Amino acid sequence: MDFGFTNDRAKFEAAQAFRDAAVADGWSIKPTYGKREDVSRVSSLERDGFKMMAMTRDHANGHKWKYEAQISIWGPDGLAVTPPDIYDFAEIVARTRRCGYCKTADVETERVGFAGRCCAKCLPEMRRKIEVPGWCN
């Protein structure tokens, strides 16, 4: 997992555009870490039971990674929603019925691991891979 670390300015600008489009579409926004960092760097957003974290940090020269650019979304059920490349609330809602593993759309999903969204077909294998002894310690 790359945690959004990148040297690609386009990925950084895409994350900023995603966050800004969400705010324009009615999501509330606040700084994730209070006064420590401004919403332009890392923000928590909410709308209709959905939660989002937008990581849009840029770093000065001398860092291995120039940017941290990542959008993370959770549905009202607390499960992860794979964000679309470009902000689209209807698509975010639709993805609450999309398996996070095989990407099958319009299916019932269940929790696997902490917040994984999984269809019934993938569930046994994903539980075997993810929920190994001690997985939640």
N, C-alpha and C. Protein backbone atom coordinates (compact mmCIF):
# COMPACT_ATOMS: atom_id res chain seq x y z
N MET A 1 0.85 -1.18 0.00
CA MET A 1 0.00 0.00 0.00
C MET A 1 0.89 1.24 0.00
N ASP A 2 0.57 2.21 -0.82
CA ASP A 2 1.45 3.37 -0.95
C ASP A 2 1.05 4.54 -0.05
N PHE A 3 -0.10 4.49 0.59
CA PHE A 3 -0.56 5.54 1.50
C PHE A 3 -0.59 6.92 0.85
N GLY A 4 -0.64 6.97 -0.46
CA GLY A 4 -0.73 8.23 -1.17
C GLY A 4 0.60 8.90 -1.44
N PHE A 5 1.71 8.30 -1.04
CA PHE A 5 3.01 8.90 -1.30
C PHE A 5 3.29 8.89 -2.80
N THR A 6 3.69 10.04 -3.34
CA THR A 6 3.94 10.14 -4.77
C THR A 6 4.80 11.36 -5.07
N ASN A 7 5.42 11.32 -6.21
CA ASN A 7 6.11 12.50 -6.74
C ASN A 7 5.37 13.04 -7.96
N ASP A 8 4.20 12.50 -8.22
CA ASP A 8 3.39 12.86 -9.39
C ASP A 8 2.44 14.01 -9.03
N ARG A 9 2.73 15.19 -9.57
CA ARG A 9 1.91 16.37 -9.28
C ARG A 9 0.46 16.17 -9.75
N ALA A 10 0.25 15.44 -10.83
CA ALA A 10 -1.11 15.21 -11.35
C ALA A 10 -1.97 14.47 -10.32
N LYS A 11 -1.39 13.51 -9.60
CA LYS A 11 -2.14 12.79 -8.57
C LYS A 11 -2.50 13.73 -7.41
N PHE A 12 -1.57 14.58 -7.06
CA PHE A 12 -1.81 15.58 -6.00
C PHE A 12 -2.95 16.52 -6.41
N GLU A 13 -2.89 17.03 -7.62
CA GLU A 13 -3.93 17.96 -8.09
C GLU A 13 -5.28 17.25 -8.23
N ALA A 14 -5.27 15.97 -8.61
CA ALA A 14 -6.52 15.21 -8.71
C ALA A 14 -7.17 15.04 -7.34
N ALA A 15 -6.36 14.78 -6.31
CA ALA A 15 -6.90 14.65 -4.95
C ALA A 15 -7.47 15.98 -4.47
N GLN A 16 -6.78 17.08 -4.77
CA GLN A 16 -7.29 18.41 -4.41
C GLN A 16 -8.62 18.67 -5.12
N ALA A 17 -8.69 18.36 -6.41
CA ALA A 17 -9.92 18.59 -7.19
C ALA A 17 -11.06 17.74 -6.65
N PHE A 18 -10.78 16.50 -6.26
CA PHE A 18 -11.79 15.61 -5.70
C PHE A 18 -12.36 16.22 -4.42
N ARG A 19 -11.47 16.64 -3.52
CA ARG A 19 -11.89 17.26 -2.25
C ARG A 19 -12.72 18.51 -2.51
N ASP A 20 -12.25 19.37 -3.39
CA ASP A 20 -12.94 20.63 -3.67
C ASP A 20 -14.31 20.39 -4.31
N ALA A 21 -14.41 19.39 -5.18
CA ALA A 21 -15.70 19.06 -5.80
C ALA A 21 -16.68 18.52 -4.76
N ALA A 22 -16.17 17.73 -3.81
CA ALA A 22 -17.03 17.21 -2.75
C ALA A 22 -17.59 18.35 -1.91
N VAL A 23 -16.75 19.30 -1.55
CA VAL A 23 -17.20 20.46 -0.76
C VAL A 23 -18.24 21.25 -1.55
N ALA A 24 -17.99 21.46 -2.83
CA ALA A 24 -18.95 22.19 -3.68
C ALA A 24 -20.27 21.44 -3.79
N ASP A 25 -20.24 20.11 -3.60
CA ASP A 25 -21.44 19.28 -3.68
C ASP A 25 -22.12 19.09 -2.33
N GLY A 26 -21.68 19.82 -1.31
CA GLY A 26 -22.40 19.80 -0.04
C GLY A 26 -21.77 19.02 1.09
N TRP A 27 -20.59 18.46 0.92
CA TRP A 27 -19.93 17.77 2.01
C TRP A 27 -19.44 18.81 3.01
N SER A 28 -19.58 18.53 4.30
CA SER A 28 -18.99 19.39 5.32
C SER A 28 -17.49 19.05 5.37
N ILE A 29 -16.69 20.02 5.75
CA ILE A 29 -15.24 19.80 5.80
C ILE A 29 -14.68 20.43 7.06
N LYS A 30 -13.72 19.72 7.65
CA LYS A 30 -13.02 20.26 8.82
C LYS A 30 -11.60 19.71 8.81
N PRO A 31 -10.69 20.40 9.51
CA PRO A 31 -9.32 19.87 9.58
C PRO A 31 -9.31 18.58 10.38
N THR A 32 -8.63 17.59 9.89
CA THR A 32 -8.56 16.29 10.57
C THR A 32 -7.81 16.38 11.89
N TYR A 33 -6.73 17.16 11.91
CA TYR A 33 -5.88 17.22 13.09
C TYR A 33 -5.97 18.57 13.79
N GLY A 34 -7.14 19.16 13.81
CA GLY A 34 -7.35 20.42 14.51
C GLY A 34 -6.48 21.53 13.95
N LYS A 35 -5.86 22.27 14.83
CA LYS A 35 -5.05 23.42 14.42
C LYS A 35 -3.69 23.01 13.86
N ARG A 36 -3.33 21.74 14.02
CA ARG A 36 -2.01 21.28 13.57
C ARG A 36 -1.82 21.37 12.06
N GLU A 37 -2.89 21.07 11.30
CA GLU A 37 -2.81 21.13 9.85
C GLU A 37 -4.11 21.68 9.29
N ASP A 38 -4.00 22.53 8.31
CA ASP A 38 -5.12 23.16 7.63
C ASP A 38 -5.86 22.14 6.74
N VAL A 39 -7.12 22.43 6.42
CA VAL A 39 -7.90 21.55 5.54
C VAL A 39 -7.28 21.40 4.16
N SER A 40 -6.42 22.33 3.78
CA SER A 40 -5.76 22.22 2.47
C SER A 40 -4.73 21.09 2.46
N ARG A 41 -4.36 20.57 3.63
CA ARG A 41 -3.37 19.50 3.72
C ARG A 41 -3.98 18.14 4.07
N VAL A 42 -4.87 18.13 5.03
CA VAL A 42 -5.57 16.88 5.38
C VAL A 42 -6.91 17.27 5.99
N SER A 43 -7.98 16.69 5.45
CA SER A 43 -9.31 17.10 5.89
C SER A 43 -10.23 15.91 6.05
N SER A 44 -11.23 16.10 6.92
CA SER A 44 -12.28 15.11 7.13
C SER A 44 -13.58 15.71 6.61
N LEU A 45 -14.29 14.94 5.82
CA LEU A 45 -15.53 15.41 5.21
C LEU A 45 -16.66 14.45 5.54
N GLU A 46 -17.90 14.96 5.56
CA GLU A 46 -19.07 14.13 5.82
C GLU A 46 -20.25 14.59 4.98
N ARG A 47 -21.06 13.62 4.57
CA ARG A 47 -22.32 13.90 3.88
C ARG A 47 -23.19 12.66 3.92
N ASP A 48 -24.42 12.84 4.36
CA ASP A 48 -25.43 11.77 4.31
C ASP A 48 -24.93 10.44 4.89
N GLY A 49 -24.17 10.51 5.97
CA GLY A 49 -23.66 9.30 6.60
C GLY A 49 -22.34 8.80 6.03
N PHE A 50 -21.90 9.35 4.91
CA PHE A 50 -20.61 8.99 4.33
C PHE A 50 -19.52 9.80 5.01
N LYS A 51 -18.33 9.22 5.10
CA LYS A 51 -17.17 9.92 5.66
C LYS A 51 -16.03 9.82 4.64
N MET A 52 -15.26 10.88 4.58
CA MET A 52 -14.15 10.92 3.65
C MET A 52 -12.95 11.57 4.34
N MET A 53 -11.77 11.11 3.99
CA MET A 53 -10.54 11.77 4.42
C MET A 53 -9.78 12.10 3.16
N ALA A 54 -9.40 13.37 3.03
CA ALA A 54 -8.63 13.82 1.87
C ALA A 54 -7.23 14.20 2.34
N MET A 55 -6.25 13.47 1.87
CA MET A 55 -4.85 13.75 2.18
C MET A 55 -4.28 14.48 0.97
N THR A 56 -3.93 15.74 1.17
CA THR A 56 -3.42 16.57 0.08
C THR A 56 -2.23 17.39 0.59
N ARG A 57 -1.21 16.70 1.00
CA ARG A 57 -0.02 17.35 1.54
C ARG A 57 1.05 17.49 0.46
N ASP A 58 1.71 18.63 0.47
CA ASP A 58 2.91 18.78 -0.34
C ASP A 58 4.08 19.04 0.60
N HIS A 59 5.25 18.59 0.18
CA HIS A 59 6.43 18.69 1.03
C HIS A 59 7.52 19.50 0.34
N ALA A 60 8.36 20.10 1.14
CA ALA A 60 9.50 20.87 0.63
C ALA A 60 10.53 19.92 0.05
N ASN A 61 11.47 20.48 -0.67
CA ASN A 61 12.58 19.68 -1.21
C ASN A 61 13.29 18.95 -0.08
N GLY A 62 13.88 17.83 -0.41
CA GLY A 62 14.60 17.05 0.59
C GLY A 62 13.80 15.87 1.10
N HIS A 63 12.51 15.83 0.83
CA HIS A 63 11.69 14.67 1.21
C HIS A 63 11.74 13.63 0.09
N LYS A 64 11.67 12.38 0.46
CA LYS A 64 11.65 11.31 -0.55
C LYS A 64 10.43 11.47 -1.45
N TRP A 65 9.29 11.84 -0.85
CA TRP A 65 8.04 11.99 -1.60
C TRP A 65 7.63 13.46 -1.56
N LYS A 66 7.35 14.01 -2.71
CA LYS A 66 6.96 15.42 -2.78
C LYS A 66 5.52 15.61 -2.31
N TYR A 67 4.67 14.59 -2.49
CA TYR A 67 3.25 14.72 -2.16
C TYR A 67 2.71 13.50 -1.39
N GLU A 68 1.64 13.76 -0.65
CA GLU A 68 0.77 12.71 -0.12
C GLU A 68 -0.60 13.05 -0.68
N ALA A 69 -1.09 12.20 -1.56
CA ALA A 69 -2.35 12.48 -2.26
C ALA A 69 -3.22 11.23 -2.21
N GLN A 70 -4.23 11.25 -1.35
CA GLN A 70 -5.07 10.06 -1.20
C GLN A 70 -6.47 10.47 -0.75
N ILE A 71 -7.47 9.85 -1.33
CA ILE A 71 -8.86 10.01 -0.92
C ILE A 71 -9.33 8.66 -0.37
N SER A 72 -9.87 8.68 0.85
CA SER A 72 -10.42 7.47 1.46
C SER A 72 -11.87 7.76 1.82
N ILE A 73 -12.76 6.82 1.52
CA ILE A 73 -14.19 7.01 1.76
C ILE A 73 -14.76 5.78 2.47
N TRP A 74 -15.69 6.04 3.41
CA TRP A 74 -16.42 4.98 4.09
C TRP A 74 -17.90 5.27 3.97
N GLY A 75 -18.69 4.23 3.72
CA GLY A 75 -20.13 4.39 3.59
C GLY A 75 -20.80 4.50 4.95
N PRO A 76 -22.11 4.77 4.94
CA PRO A 76 -22.86 4.85 6.20
C PRO A 76 -22.78 3.56 7.02
N ASP A 77 -22.47 2.43 6.37
CA ASP A 77 -22.33 1.15 7.06
C ASP A 77 -20.94 0.97 7.67
N GLY A 78 -20.04 1.96 7.49
CA GLY A 78 -18.70 1.89 8.04
C GLY A 78 -17.71 1.13 7.18
N LEU A 79 -18.14 0.64 6.04
CA LEU A 79 -17.25 -0.11 5.15
C LEU A 79 -16.61 0.80 4.12
N ALA A 80 -15.42 0.43 3.69
CA ALA A 80 -14.68 1.23 2.71
C ALA A 80 -15.41 1.27 1.37
N VAL A 81 -15.30 2.41 0.73
CA VAL A 81 -15.83 2.62 -0.62
C VAL A 81 -14.64 3.04 -1.49
N THR A 82 -14.37 2.29 -2.55
CA THR A 82 -13.28 2.66 -3.45
C THR A 82 -13.69 3.94 -4.18
N PRO A 83 -12.91 5.03 -4.01
CA PRO A 83 -13.31 6.28 -4.65
C PRO A 83 -13.16 6.22 -6.16
N PRO A 84 -14.08 6.85 -6.89
CA PRO A 84 -13.88 6.95 -8.33
C PRO A 84 -12.71 7.91 -8.60
N ASP A 85 -12.17 7.88 -9.80
CA ASP A 85 -11.05 8.75 -10.14
C ASP A 85 -11.43 10.23 -10.06
N ILE A 86 -12.66 10.54 -10.46
CA ILE A 86 -13.17 11.91 -10.43
C ILE A 86 -14.41 11.93 -9.54
N TYR A 87 -14.56 12.95 -8.71
CA TYR A 87 -15.68 13.02 -7.77
C TYR A 87 -17.02 12.89 -8.48
N ASP A 88 -17.86 11.99 -7.94
CA ASP A 88 -19.23 11.79 -8.44
C ASP A 88 -20.01 11.12 -7.31
N PHE A 89 -20.87 11.89 -6.63
CA PHE A 89 -21.56 11.34 -5.46
C PHE A 89 -22.43 10.15 -5.82
N ALA A 90 -23.13 10.20 -6.95
CA ALA A 90 -23.97 9.06 -7.35
C ALA A 90 -23.11 7.80 -7.51
N GLU A 91 -21.92 7.95 -8.05
CA GLU A 91 -21.02 6.81 -8.21
C GLU A 91 -20.51 6.31 -6.85
N ILE A 92 -20.25 7.22 -5.94
CA ILE A 92 -19.82 6.82 -4.59
C ILE A 92 -20.92 6.00 -3.93
N VAL A 93 -22.16 6.46 -4.03
CA VAL A 93 -23.30 5.71 -3.47
C VAL A 93 -23.39 4.34 -4.14
N ALA A 94 -23.27 4.29 -5.46
CA ALA A 94 -23.36 3.02 -6.18
C ALA A 94 -22.27 2.05 -5.74
N ARG A 95 -21.12 2.57 -5.39
CA ARG A 95 -20.01 1.71 -5.00
C ARG A 95 -20.18 1.10 -3.62
N THR A 96 -21.23 1.46 -2.88
CA THR A 96 -21.52 0.74 -1.64
C THR A 96 -22.06 -0.65 -1.96
N ARG A 97 -22.40 -0.88 -3.23
CA ARG A 97 -22.88 -2.18 -3.70
C ARG A 97 -21.88 -2.77 -4.71
N ARG A 98 -20.61 -2.50 -4.47
CA ARG A 98 -19.55 -3.00 -5.34
C ARG A 98 -18.50 -3.70 -4.49
N CYS A 99 -18.14 -4.91 -4.87
CA CYS A 99 -17.12 -5.67 -4.15
C CYS A 99 -15.78 -4.96 -4.29
N GLY A 100 -15.10 -4.77 -3.18
CA GLY A 100 -13.80 -4.13 -3.21
C GLY A 100 -12.69 -5.03 -3.72
N TYR A 101 -12.99 -6.28 -4.02
CA TYR A 101 -11.98 -7.24 -4.44
C TYR A 101 -12.15 -7.66 -5.89
N CYS A 102 -13.32 -8.18 -6.25
CA CYS A 102 -13.54 -8.60 -7.64
C CYS A 102 -14.17 -7.49 -8.48
N LYS A 103 -14.61 -6.42 -7.82
CA LYS A 103 -15.20 -5.23 -8.46
C LYS A 103 -16.58 -5.47 -9.07
N THR A 104 -17.22 -6.60 -8.74
CA THR A 104 -18.58 -6.84 -9.22
C THR A 104 -19.50 -5.75 -8.66
N ALA A 105 -20.32 -5.18 -9.54
CA ALA A 105 -21.20 -4.08 -9.15
C ALA A 105 -22.62 -4.58 -8.87
N ASP A 106 -23.35 -3.77 -8.13
CA ASP A 106 -24.76 -4.00 -7.80
C ASP A 106 -24.99 -5.35 -7.12
N VAL A 107 -24.18 -5.60 -6.06
CA VAL A 107 -24.33 -6.81 -5.25
C VAL A 107 -24.38 -6.41 -3.78
N GLU A 108 -24.99 -7.27 -2.97
CA GLU A 108 -24.94 -7.09 -1.53
C GLU A 108 -23.49 -7.26 -1.10
N THR A 109 -23.06 -6.48 -0.13
CA THR A 109 -21.69 -6.59 0.35
C THR A 109 -21.68 -6.80 1.85
N GLU A 110 -20.60 -7.39 2.32
CA GLU A 110 -20.42 -7.66 3.74
C GLU A 110 -19.05 -7.19 4.17
N ARG A 111 -18.88 -7.02 5.48
CA ARG A 111 -17.60 -6.62 6.05
C ARG A 111 -16.63 -7.80 6.00
N VAL A 112 -15.40 -7.49 5.65
CA VAL A 112 -14.29 -8.44 5.79
C VAL A 112 -13.13 -7.63 6.35
N GLY A 113 -12.44 -8.18 7.32
CA GLY A 113 -11.39 -7.42 7.99
C GLY A 113 -12.02 -6.25 8.73
N PHE A 114 -11.28 -5.16 8.84
CA PHE A 114 -11.78 -4.01 9.60
C PHE A 114 -12.88 -3.27 8.85
N ALA A 115 -12.70 -2.98 7.58
CA ALA A 115 -13.68 -2.18 6.85
C ALA A 115 -13.79 -2.58 5.39
N GLY A 116 -13.29 -3.76 5.04
CA GLY A 116 -13.36 -4.20 3.65
C GLY A 116 -14.79 -4.49 3.23
N ARG A 117 -15.09 -4.21 1.97
CA ARG A 117 -16.42 -4.40 1.40
C ARG A 117 -16.32 -5.56 0.42
N CYS A 118 -17.06 -6.64 0.69
CA CYS A 118 -16.85 -7.88 -0.03
C CYS A 118 -18.18 -8.53 -0.44
N CYS A 119 -18.23 -9.07 -1.65
CA CYS A 119 -19.42 -9.81 -2.09
C CYS A 119 -19.38 -11.23 -1.51
N ALA A 120 -20.51 -11.90 -1.57
CA ALA A 120 -20.62 -13.25 -1.00
C ALA A 120 -19.69 -14.23 -1.70
N LYS A 121 -19.46 -14.04 -3.00
CA LYS A 121 -18.60 -14.94 -3.76
C LYS A 121 -17.15 -14.87 -3.27
N CYS A 122 -16.67 -13.67 -2.98
CA CYS A 122 -15.28 -13.48 -2.56
C CYS A 122 -15.07 -13.66 -1.06
N LEU A 123 -16.15 -13.59 -0.29
CA LEU A 123 -16.04 -13.54 1.16
C LEU A 123 -15.22 -14.68 1.78
N PRO A 124 -15.47 -15.95 1.44
CA PRO A 124 -14.69 -17.01 2.09
C PRO A 124 -13.18 -16.87 1.85
N GLU A 125 -12.79 -16.58 0.62
CA GLU A 125 -11.36 -16.45 0.30
C GLU A 125 -10.75 -15.22 0.96
N MET A 126 -11.46 -14.11 0.98
CA MET A 126 -10.93 -12.90 1.60
C MET A 126 -10.83 -13.06 3.12
N ARG A 127 -11.79 -13.73 3.71
CA ARG A 127 -11.69 -14.01 5.15
C ARG A 127 -10.48 -14.88 5.43
N ARG A 128 -10.25 -15.87 4.58
CA ARG A 128 -9.09 -16.76 4.75
C ARG A 128 -7.79 -15.97 4.65
N LYS A 129 -7.71 -15.03 3.69
CA LYS A 129 -6.49 -14.26 3.49
C LYS A 129 -6.29 -13.16 4.53
N ILE A 130 -7.38 -12.49 4.91
CA ILE A 130 -7.28 -11.31 5.77
C ILE A 130 -7.43 -11.63 7.25
N GLU A 131 -8.43 -12.41 7.57
CA GLU A 131 -8.77 -12.66 8.96
C GLU A 131 -8.02 -13.86 9.52
N VAL A 132 -6.69 -13.80 9.42
CA VAL A 132 -5.84 -14.86 9.94
C VAL A 132 -5.75 -14.72 11.46
N PRO A 133 -5.34 -15.76 12.16
CA PRO A 133 -5.24 -15.65 13.62
C PRO A 133 -4.42 -14.42 14.02
N GLY A 134 -4.98 -13.63 14.91
CA GLY A 134 -4.32 -12.42 15.39
C GLY A 134 -4.52 -11.19 14.52
N TRP A 135 -5.33 -11.29 13.44
CA TRP A 135 -5.50 -10.18 12.50
C TRP A 135 -6.02 -8.91 13.15
N CYS A 136 -6.74 -9.03 14.24
CA CYS A 136 -7.32 -7.82 14.85
C CYS A 136 -6.72 -7.49 16.21
N ASN A 137 -5.58 -8.08 16.53
CA ASN A 137 -4.92 -7.77 17.81
C ASN A 137 -4.23 -6.43 17.76
